[in-house]
Amino acid sequence: MSITQQHLLDIYRAHQLGEPAPPAPGTHDRQVVREWRDERRFRAVLAGRPARGRQRIRHALGRWLHPRRRLTG
């Protein structure tokens, strides 16, 4: 059974029971990813590590795109 079929079955059951329809699959994916990222940063701070974000990614991309140029700072 696919995700779409399962969702349609859930909507049908909710309608039969007079309950509100469940959200569509993938509706809250962005929120889940944000909460997961915030949790990782929070645990890093509790462990005494710096809570890094995009700086690490930018640094890695800079090294990859400009291998001869050294990034300082």
Foldseek 3Di string as FASTA:
>chain_A
DDLVVVLVVQQVVCVVVVHDRDDRPPPCVVVVVVVVLVVVLVVCVVVVHHRDDCVVVVQVVCCVVPVVDDDDD
